[in-house]
Amino acid sequence: EQRTPYYVAIPIALVAAIAAAGRARPVLVRGLLL
């Protein structure tokens, strides 16, 4: 059960990294980090 948050977090972190590198809107990047 402790692995589930990681399985959720990995794709979100990938999207956040791409959004940050691609200069997406700050609310999207910060929202993903939140």
PDB file of all heavy atoms in Angstrom:
ATOM      1  N   GLU A   1       0.824  -1.205   0.000  1.00  0.00           N
ATOM      2  CA  GLU A   1       0.000   0.000   0.000  1.00  0.00           C
ATOM      3  C   GLU A   1       0.862   1.261   0.000  1.00  0.00           C
ATOM      4  O   GLU A   1       0.497   2.269  -0.606  1.00  0.00           O
ATOM      5  CB  GLU A   1      -0.919  -0.014   1.219  1.00  0.00           C
ATOM      6  CG  GLU A   1      -1.930   1.109   1.218  1.00  0.00           C
ATOM      7  CD  GLU A   1      -2.905   1.017   2.388  1.00  0.00           C
ATOM      8  OE1 GLU A   1      -2.954  -0.023   3.071  1.00  0.00           O
ATOM      9  OE2 GLU A   1      -3.608   2.005   2.601  1.00  0.00           O
ATOM     10  N   GLN A   2       2.029   1.191   0.635  1.00  0.00           N
ATOM     11  CA  GLN A   2       2.924   2.351   0.684  1.00  0.00           C
ATOM     12  C   GLN A   2       3.516   2.697  -0.675  1.00  0.00           C
ATOM     13  O   GLN A   2       4.010   3.799  -0.872  1.00  0.00           O
ATOM     14  CB  GLN A   2       4.066   2.098   1.674  1.00  0.00           C
ATOM     15  CG  GLN A   2       3.624   2.143   3.106  1.00  0.00           C
ATOM     16  CD  GLN A   2       4.761   1.799   4.023  1.00  0.00           C
ATOM     17  OE1 GLN A   2       5.566   2.655   4.344  1.00  0.00           O
ATOM     18  NE2 GLN A   2       4.840   0.534   4.419  1.00  0.00           N
ATOM     19  N   ARG A   3       3.472   1.790  -1.606  1.00  0.00           N
ATOM     20  CA  ARG A   3       4.000   2.061  -2.945  1.00  0.00           C
ATOM     21  C   ARG A   3       3.034   2.883  -3.787  1.00  0.00           C
ATOM     22  O   ARG A   3       3.454   3.572  -4.720  1.00  0.00           O
ATOM     23  CB  ARG A   3       4.315   0.748  -3.660  1.00  0.00           C
ATOM     24  CG  ARG A   3       5.411  -0.031  -2.978  1.00  0.00           C
ATOM     25  CD  ARG A   3       5.660  -1.349  -3.663  1.00  0.00           C
ATOM     26  NE  ARG A   3       6.592  -2.153  -2.870  1.00  0.00           N
ATOM     27  CZ  ARG A   3       7.020  -3.342  -3.225  1.00  0.00           C
ATOM     28  NH1 ARG A   3       6.591  -3.887  -4.354  1.00  0.00           N
ATOM     29  NH2 ARG A   3       7.861  -3.999  -2.468  1.00  0.00           N
ATOM     30  N   THR A   4       1.755   2.816  -3.479  1.00  0.00           N
ATOM     31  CA  THR A   4       0.739   3.505  -4.290  1.00  0.00           C
ATOM     32  C   THR A   4       1.010   4.994  -4.457  1.00  0.00           C
ATOM     33  O   THR A   4       0.937   5.506  -5.582  1.00  0.00           O
ATOM     34  CB  THR A   4      -0.665   3.248  -3.717  1.00  0.00           C
ATOM     35  OG1 THR A   4      -0.886   1.836  -3.666  1.00  0.00           O
ATOM     36  CG2 THR A   4      -1.737   3.910  -4.556  1.00  0.00           C
ATOM     37  N   PRO A   5       1.339   5.742  -3.386  1.00  0.00           N
ATOM     38  CA  PRO A   5       1.614   7.169  -3.602  1.00  0.00           C
ATOM     39  C   PRO A   5       2.758   7.416  -4.586  1.00  0.00           C
ATOM     40  O   PRO A   5       2.734   8.393  -5.340  1.00  0.00           O
ATOM     41  CB  PRO A   5       1.970   7.686  -2.206  1.00  0.00           C
ATOM     42  CG  PRO A   5       1.321   6.731  -1.267  1.00  0.00           C
ATOM     43  CD  PRO A   5       1.345   5.398  -1.961  1.00  0.00           C
ATOM     44  N   TYR A   6       3.734   6.537  -4.604  1.00  0.00           N
ATOM     45  CA  TYR A   6       4.848   6.700  -5.533  1.00  0.00           C
ATOM     46  C   TYR A   6       4.400   6.451  -6.973  1.00  0.00           C
ATOM     47  O   TYR A   6       4.821   7.154  -7.888  1.00  0.00           O
ATOM     48  CB  TYR A   6       6.004   5.767  -5.161  1.00  0.00           C
ATOM     49  CG  TYR A   6       6.667   6.197  -3.881  1.00  0.00           C
ATOM     50  CD1 TYR A   6       6.294   5.642  -2.657  1.00  0.00           C
ATOM     51  CD2 TYR A   6       7.636   7.189  -3.882  1.00  0.00           C
ATOM     52  CE1 TYR A   6       6.877   6.060  -1.483  1.00  0.00           C
ATOM     53  CE2 TYR A   6       8.231   7.612  -2.709  1.00  0.00           C
ATOM     54  CZ  TYR A   6       7.852   7.045  -1.518  1.00  0.00           C
ATOM     55  OH  TYR A   6       8.427   7.473  -0.346  1.00  0.00           O
ATOM     56  N   TYR A   7       3.546   5.445  -7.151  1.00  0.00           N
ATOM     57  CA  TYR A   7       3.029   5.177  -8.486  1.00  0.00           C
ATOM     58  C   TYR A   7       2.189   6.345  -8.988  1.00  0.00           C
ATOM     59  O   TYR A   7       2.114   6.601 -10.188  1.00  0.00           O
ATOM     60  CB  TYR A   7       2.210   3.884  -8.508  1.00  0.00           C
ATOM     61  CG  TYR A   7       3.005   2.638  -8.161  1.00  0.00           C
ATOM     62  CD1 TYR A   7       2.422   1.601  -7.445  1.00  0.00           C
ATOM     63  CD2 TYR A   7       4.328   2.490  -8.545  1.00  0.00           C
ATOM     64  CE1 TYR A   7       3.134   0.449  -7.130  1.00  0.00           C
ATOM     65  CE2 TYR A   7       5.050   1.356  -8.226  1.00  0.00           C
ATOM     66  CZ  TYR A   7       4.450   0.338  -7.520  1.00  0.00           C
ATOM     67  OH  TYR A   7       5.165  -0.786  -7.212  1.00  0.00           O
ATOM     68  N   VAL A   8       1.554   7.059  -8.073  1.00  0.00           N
ATOM     69  CA  VAL A   8       0.787   8.261  -8.427  1.00  0.00           C
ATOM     70  C   VAL A   8       1.742   9.431  -8.674  1.00  0.00           C
ATOM     71  O   VAL A   8       1.570  10.212  -9.616  1.00  0.00           O
ATOM     72  CB  VAL A   8      -0.232   8.604  -7.314  1.00  0.00           C
ATOM     73  CG1 VAL A   8      -0.872   9.957  -7.541  1.00  0.00           C
ATOM     74  CG2 VAL A   8      -1.287   7.508  -7.207  1.00  0.00           C
ATOM     75  N   ALA A   9       2.763   9.549  -7.827  1.00  0.00           N
ATOM     76  CA  ALA A   9       3.658  10.706  -7.872  1.00  0.00           C
ATOM     77  C   ALA A   9       4.583  10.721  -9.092  1.00  0.00           C
ATOM     78  O   ALA A   9       4.873  11.808  -9.614  1.00  0.00           O
ATOM     79  CB  ALA A   9       4.494  10.765  -6.599  1.00  0.00           C
ATOM     80  N   ILE A  10       5.047   9.592  -9.529  1.00  0.00           N
ATOM     81  CA  ILE A  10       6.024   9.565 -10.621  1.00  0.00           C
ATOM     82  C   ILE A  10       5.492  10.239 -11.884  1.00  0.00           C
ATOM     83  O   ILE A  10       6.160  11.121 -12.440  1.00  0.00           O
ATOM     84  CB  ILE A  10       6.535   8.131 -10.885  1.00  0.00           C
ATOM     85  CG1 ILE A  10       7.410   7.680  -9.711  1.00  0.00           C
ATOM     86  CG2 ILE A  10       7.310   8.041 -12.199  1.00  0.00           C
ATOM     87  CD1 ILE A  10       7.767   6.209  -9.721  1.00  0.00           C
ATOM     88  N   PRO A  11       4.301   9.889 -12.387  1.00  0.00           N
ATOM     89  CA  PRO A  11       3.830  10.590 -13.593  1.00  0.00           C
ATOM     90  C   PRO A  11       3.542  12.072 -13.341  1.00  0.00           C
ATOM     91  O   PRO A  11       3.764  12.907 -14.234  1.00  0.00           O
ATOM     92  CB  PRO A  11       2.564   9.842 -14.001  1.00  0.00           C
ATOM     93  CG  PRO A  11       2.248   8.892 -12.925  1.00  0.00           C
ATOM     94  CD  PRO A  11       3.428   8.779 -12.026  1.00  0.00           C
ATOM     95  N   ILE A  12       3.084  12.408 -12.131  1.00  0.00           N
ATOM     96  CA  ILE A  12       2.841  13.829 -11.831  1.00  0.00           C
ATOM     97  C   ILE A  12       4.160  14.587 -11.825  1.00  0.00           C
ATOM     98  O   ILE A  12       4.250  15.706 -12.355  1.00  0.00           O
ATOM     99  CB  ILE A  12       2.103  13.991 -10.478  1.00  0.00           C
ATOM    100  CG1 ILE A  12       0.717  13.357 -10.559  1.00  0.00           C
ATOM    101  CG2 ILE A  12       1.991  15.466 -10.099  1.00  0.00           C
ATOM    102  CD1 ILE A  12       0.001  13.272  -9.220  1.00  0.00           C
ATOM    103  N   ALA A  13       5.204  13.990 -11.243  1.00  0.00           N
ATOM    104  CA  ALA A  13       6.522  14.623 -11.223  1.00  0.00           C
ATOM    105  C   ALA A  13       7.076  14.781 -12.642  1.00  0.00           C
ATOM    106  O   ALA A  13       7.695  15.800 -12.962  1.00  0.00           O
ATOM    107  CB  ALA A  13       7.484  13.821 -10.357  1.00  0.00           C
ATOM    108  N   LEU A  14       6.838  13.794 -13.477  1.00  0.00           N
ATOM    109  CA  LEU A  14       7.281  13.888 -14.870  1.00  0.00           C
ATOM    110  C   LEU A  14       6.583  15.043 -15.574  1.00  0.00           C
ATOM    111  O   LEU A  14       7.228  15.857 -16.250  1.00  0.00           O
ATOM    112  CB  LEU A  14       7.012  12.573 -15.602  1.00  0.00           C
ATOM    113  CG  LEU A  14       7.388  12.534 -17.087  1.00  0.00           C
ATOM    114  CD1 LEU A  14       8.881  12.776 -17.277  1.00  0.00           C
ATOM    115  CD2 LEU A  14       6.973  11.202 -17.691  1.00  0.00           C
ATOM    116  N   VAL A  15       5.286  15.152 -15.396  1.00  0.00           N
ATOM    117  CA  VAL A  15       4.534  16.257 -16.008  1.00  0.00           C
ATOM    118  C   VAL A  15       5.007  17.596 -15.440  1.00  0.00           C
ATOM    119  O   VAL A  15       5.175  18.574 -16.176  1.00  0.00           O
ATOM    120  CB  VAL A  15       3.012  16.067 -15.819  1.00  0.00           C
ATOM    121  CG1 VAL A  15       2.238  17.298 -16.264  1.00  0.00           C
ATOM    122  CG2 VAL A  15       2.540  14.831 -16.587  1.00  0.00           C
ATOM    123  N   ALA A  16       5.254  17.646 -14.133  1.00  0.00           N
ATOM    124  CA  ALA A  16       5.729  18.888 -13.505  1.00  0.00           C
ATOM    125  C   ALA A  16       7.091  19.289 -14.060  1.00  0.00           C
ATOM    126  O   ALA A  16       7.332  20.475 -14.333  1.00  0.00           O
ATOM    127  CB  ALA A  16       5.795  18.730 -11.999  1.00  0.00           C
ATOM    128  N   ALA A  17       7.984  18.322 -14.233  1.00  0.00           N
ATOM    129  CA  ALA A  17       9.312  18.621 -14.781  1.00  0.00           C
ATOM    130  C   ALA A  17       9.213  19.125 -16.216  1.00  0.00           C
ATOM    131  O   ALA A  17       9.885  20.091 -16.600  1.00  0.00           O
ATOM    132  CB  ALA A  17      10.206  17.387 -14.703  1.00  0.00           C
ATOM    133  N   ILE A  18       8.357  18.494 -17.005  1.00  0.00           N
ATOM    134  CA  ILE A  18       8.175  18.929 -18.393  1.00  0.00           C
ATOM    135  C   ILE A  18       7.531  20.310 -18.427  1.00  0.00           C
ATOM    136  O   ILE A  18       7.948  21.178 -19.199  1.00  0.00           O
ATOM    137  CB  ILE A  18       7.341  17.893 -19.181  1.00  0.00           C
ATOM    138  CG1 ILE A  18       8.132  16.602 -19.360  1.00  0.00           C
ATOM    139  CG2 ILE A  18       6.902  18.460 -20.526  1.00  0.00           C
ATOM    140  CD1 ILE A  18       7.314  15.431 -19.873  1.00  0.00           C
ATOM    141  N   ALA A  19       6.537  20.520 -17.574  1.00  0.00           N
ATOM    142  CA  ALA A  19       5.861  21.823 -17.530  1.00  0.00           C
ATOM    143  C   ALA A  19       6.825  22.923 -17.104  1.00  0.00           C
ATOM    144  O   ALA A  19       6.829  24.018 -17.678  1.00  0.00           O
ATOM    145  CB  ALA A  19       4.661  21.759 -16.588  1.00  0.00           C
ATOM    146  N   ALA A  20       7.645  22.644 -16.113  1.00  0.00           N
ATOM    147  CA  ALA A  20       8.605  23.649 -15.648  1.00  0.00           C
ATOM    148  C   ALA A  20       9.647  23.947 -16.722  1.00  0.00           C
ATOM    149  O   ALA A  20       9.969  25.106 -16.973  1.00  0.00           O
ATOM    150  CB  ALA A  20       9.276  23.180 -14.366  1.00  0.00           C
ATOM    151  N   ALA A  21      10.149  22.897 -17.370  1.00  0.00           N
ATOM    152  CA  ALA A  21      11.151  23.097 -18.430  1.00  0.00           C
ATOM    153  C   ALA A  21      10.545  23.777 -19.643  1.00  0.00           C
ATOM    154  O   ALA A  21      11.226  24.540 -20.338  1.00  0.00           O
ATOM    155  CB  ALA A  21      11.761  21.761 -18.824  1.00  0.00           C
ATOM    156  N   GLY A  22       9.268  23.507 -19.896  1.00  0.00           N
ATOM    157  CA  GLY A  22       8.599  24.094 -21.054  1.00  0.00           C
ATOM    158  C   GLY A  22       7.983  25.451 -20.779  1.00  0.00           C
ATOM    159  O   GLY A  22       7.242  25.975 -21.605  1.00  0.00           O
ATOM    160  N   ARG A  23       8.266  26.000 -19.616  1.00  0.00           N
ATOM    161  CA  ARG A  23       7.785  27.334 -19.245  1.00  0.00           C
ATOM    162  C   ARG A  23       6.266  27.437 -19.267  1.00  0.00           C
ATOM    163  O   ARG A  23       5.700  28.406 -19.777  1.00  0.00           O
ATOM    164  CB  ARG A  23       8.428  28.389 -20.122  1.00  0.00           C
ATOM    165  CG  ARG A  23       9.924  28.375 -19.989  1.00  0.00           C
ATOM    166  CD  ARG A  23      10.566  29.406 -20.862  1.00  0.00           C
ATOM    167  NE  ARG A  23      12.007  29.290 -20.717  1.00  0.00           N
ATOM    168  CZ  ARG A  23      12.820  30.304 -20.770  1.00  0.00           C
ATOM    169  NH1 ARG A  23      12.379  31.510 -20.977  1.00  0.00           N
ATOM    170  NH2 ARG A  23      14.115  30.124 -20.630  1.00  0.00           N
ATOM    171  N   ALA A  24       5.632  26.430 -18.722  1.00  0.00           N
ATOM    172  CA  ALA A  24       4.172  26.446 -18.609  1.00  0.00           C
ATOM    173  C   ALA A  24       3.759  27.519 -17.604  1.00  0.00           C
ATOM    174  O   ALA A  24       4.590  28.064 -16.876  1.00  0.00           O
ATOM    175  CB  ALA A  24       3.674  25.077 -18.157  1.00  0.00           C
ATOM    176  N   ARG A  25       2.493  27.780 -17.546  1.00  0.00           N
ATOM    177  CA  ARG A  25       1.984  28.796 -16.617  1.00  0.00           C
ATOM    178  C   ARG A  25       2.404  28.447 -15.183  1.00  0.00           C
ATOM    179  O   ARG A  25       2.340  27.279 -14.780  1.00  0.00           O
ATOM    180  CB  ARG A  25       0.479  28.880 -16.700  1.00  0.00           C
ATOM    181  CG  ARG A  25       0.012  29.392 -18.054  1.00  0.00           C
ATOM    182  CD  ARG A  25      -1.383  29.978 -17.929  1.00  0.00           C
ATOM    183  NE  ARG A  25      -1.786  30.581 -19.169  1.00  0.00           N
ATOM    184  CZ  ARG A  25      -1.522  31.843 -19.512  1.00  0.00           C
ATOM    185  NH1 ARG A  25      -0.871  32.616 -18.689  1.00  0.00           N
ATOM    186  NH2 ARG A  25      -1.943  32.319 -20.659  1.00  0.00           N
ATOM    187  N   PRO A  26       2.811  29.451 -14.426  1.00  0.00           N
ATOM    188  CA  PRO A  26       3.250  29.191 -13.050  1.00  0.00           C
ATOM    189  C   PRO A  26       2.214  28.463 -12.207  1.00  0.00           C
ATOM    190  O   PRO A  26       2.571  27.596 -11.399  1.00  0.00           O
ATOM    191  CB  PRO A  26       3.517  30.596 -12.499  1.00  0.00           C
ATOM    192  CG  PRO A  26       3.884  31.396 -13.704  1.00  0.00           C
ATOM    193  CD  PRO A  26       3.024  30.852 -14.810  1.00  0.00           C
ATOM    194  N   VAL A  27       0.941  28.788 -12.377  1.00  0.00           N
ATOM    195  CA  VAL A  27      -0.080  28.123 -11.560  1.00  0.00           C
ATOM    196  C   VAL A  27      -0.115  26.616 -11.848  1.00  0.00           C
ATOM    197  O   VAL A  27      -0.386  25.826 -10.949  1.00  0.00           O
ATOM    198  CB  VAL A  27      -1.466  28.793 -11.756  1.00  0.00           C
ATOM    199  CG1 VAL A  27      -2.045  28.489 -13.127  1.00  0.00           C
ATOM    200  CG2 VAL A  27      -2.422  28.385 -10.660  1.00  0.00           C
ATOM    201  N   LEU A  28       0.180  26.209 -13.076  1.00  0.00           N
ATOM    202  CA  LEU A  28       0.225  24.781 -13.398  1.00  0.00           C
ATOM    203  C   LEU A  28       1.427  24.127 -12.726  1.00  0.00           C
ATOM    204  O   LEU A  28       1.287  23.086 -12.068  1.00  0.00           O
ATOM    205  CB  LEU A  28       0.280  24.569 -14.911  1.00  0.00           C
ATOM    206  CG  LEU A  28       0.494  23.115 -15.359  1.00  0.00           C
ATOM    207  CD1 LEU A  28      -0.684  22.239 -14.935  1.00  0.00           C
ATOM    208  CD2 LEU A  28       0.710  23.039 -16.853  1.00  0.00           C
ATOM    209  N   VAL A  29       2.601  24.714 -12.875  1.00  0.00           N
ATOM    210  CA  VAL A  29       3.817  24.138 -12.298  1.00  0.00           C
ATOM    211  C   VAL A  29       3.703  24.071 -10.781  1.00  0.00           C
ATOM    212  O   VAL A  29       3.936  23.032 -10.168  1.00  0.00           O
ATOM    213  CB  VAL A  29       5.061  24.952 -12.721  1.00  0.00           C
ATOM    214  CG1 VAL A  29       6.314  24.442 -12.018  1.00  0.00           C
ATOM    215  CG2 VAL A  29       5.240  24.910 -14.235  1.00  0.00           C
ATOM    216  N   ARG A  30       3.318  25.188 -10.173  1.00  0.00           N
ATOM    217  CA  ARG A  30       3.207  25.219  -8.712  1.00  0.00           C
ATOM    218  C   ARG A  30       2.062  24.319  -8.229  1.00  0.00           C
ATOM    219  O   ARG A  30       2.157  23.697  -7.177  1.00  0.00           O
ATOM    220  CB  ARG A  30       3.020  26.650  -8.227  1.00  0.00           C
ATOM    221  CG  ARG A  30       4.282  27.495  -8.367  1.00  0.00           C
ATOM    222  CD  ARG A  30       4.021  28.928  -7.909  1.00  0.00           C
ATOM    223  NE  ARG A  30       5.172  29.782  -8.085  1.00  0.00           N
ATOM    224  CZ  ARG A  30       6.146  29.933  -7.198  1.00  0.00           C
ATOM    225  NH1 ARG A  30       6.114  29.252  -6.061  1.00  0.00           N
ATOM    226  NH2 ARG A  30       7.144  30.757  -7.436  1.00  0.00           N
ATOM    227  N   GLY A  31       0.994  24.258  -8.986  1.00  0.00           N
ATOM    228  CA  GLY A  31      -0.116  23.376  -8.629  1.00  0.00           C
ATOM    229  C   GLY A  31       0.297  21.915  -8.645  1.00  0.00           C
ATOM    230  O   GLY A  31      -0.070  21.145  -7.749  1.00  0.00           O
ATOM    231  N   LEU A  32       1.073  21.522  -9.647  1.00  0.00           N
ATOM    232  CA  LEU A  32       1.575  20.145  -9.707  1.00  0.00           C
ATOM    233  C   LEU A  32       2.514  19.861  -8.539  1.00  0.00           C
ATOM    234  O   LEU A  32       2.470  18.768  -7.947  1.00  0.00           O
ATOM    235  CB  LEU A  32       2.275  19.887 -11.041  1.00  0.00           C
ATOM    236  CG  LEU A  32       1.366  19.809 -12.267  1.00  0.00           C
ATOM    237  CD1 LEU A  32       2.182  19.835 -13.553  1.00  0.00           C
ATOM    238  CD2 LEU A  32       0.495  18.561 -12.213  1.00  0.00           C
ATOM    239  N   LEU A  33       3.360  20.829  -8.192  1.00  0.00           N
ATOM    240  CA  LEU A  33       4.250  20.650  -7.041  1.00  0.00           C
ATOM    241  C   LEU A  33       3.447  20.534  -5.743  1.00  0.00           C
ATOM    242  O   LEU A  33       3.785  19.730  -4.866  1.00  0.00           O
ATOM    243  CB  LEU A  33       5.251  21.806  -6.961  1.00  0.00           C
ATOM    244  CG  LEU A  33       6.310  21.818  -8.066  1.00  0.00           C
ATOM    245  CD1 LEU A  33       7.077  23.135  -8.057  1.00  0.00           C
ATOM    246  CD2 LEU A  33       7.257  20.639  -7.933  1.00  0.00           C
ATOM    247  N   LEU A  34       2.382  21.305  -5.631  1.00  0.00           N
ATOM    248  CA  LEU A  34       1.508  21.209  -4.460  1.00  0.00           C
ATOM    249  C   LEU A  34       0.864  19.824  -4.381  1.00  0.00           C
ATOM    250  O   LEU A  34       0.836  19.195  -3.315  1.00  0.00           O
ATOM    251  CB  LEU A  34       0.433  22.296  -4.499  1.00  0.00           C
ATOM    252  CG  LEU A  34      -0.624  22.246  -3.395  1.00  0.00           C
ATOM    253  CD1 LEU A  34       0.009  22.391  -2.023  1.00  0.00           C
ATOM    254  CD2 LEU A  34      -1.673  23.322  -3.631  1.00  0.00           C
TER     255      LEU A  34
END
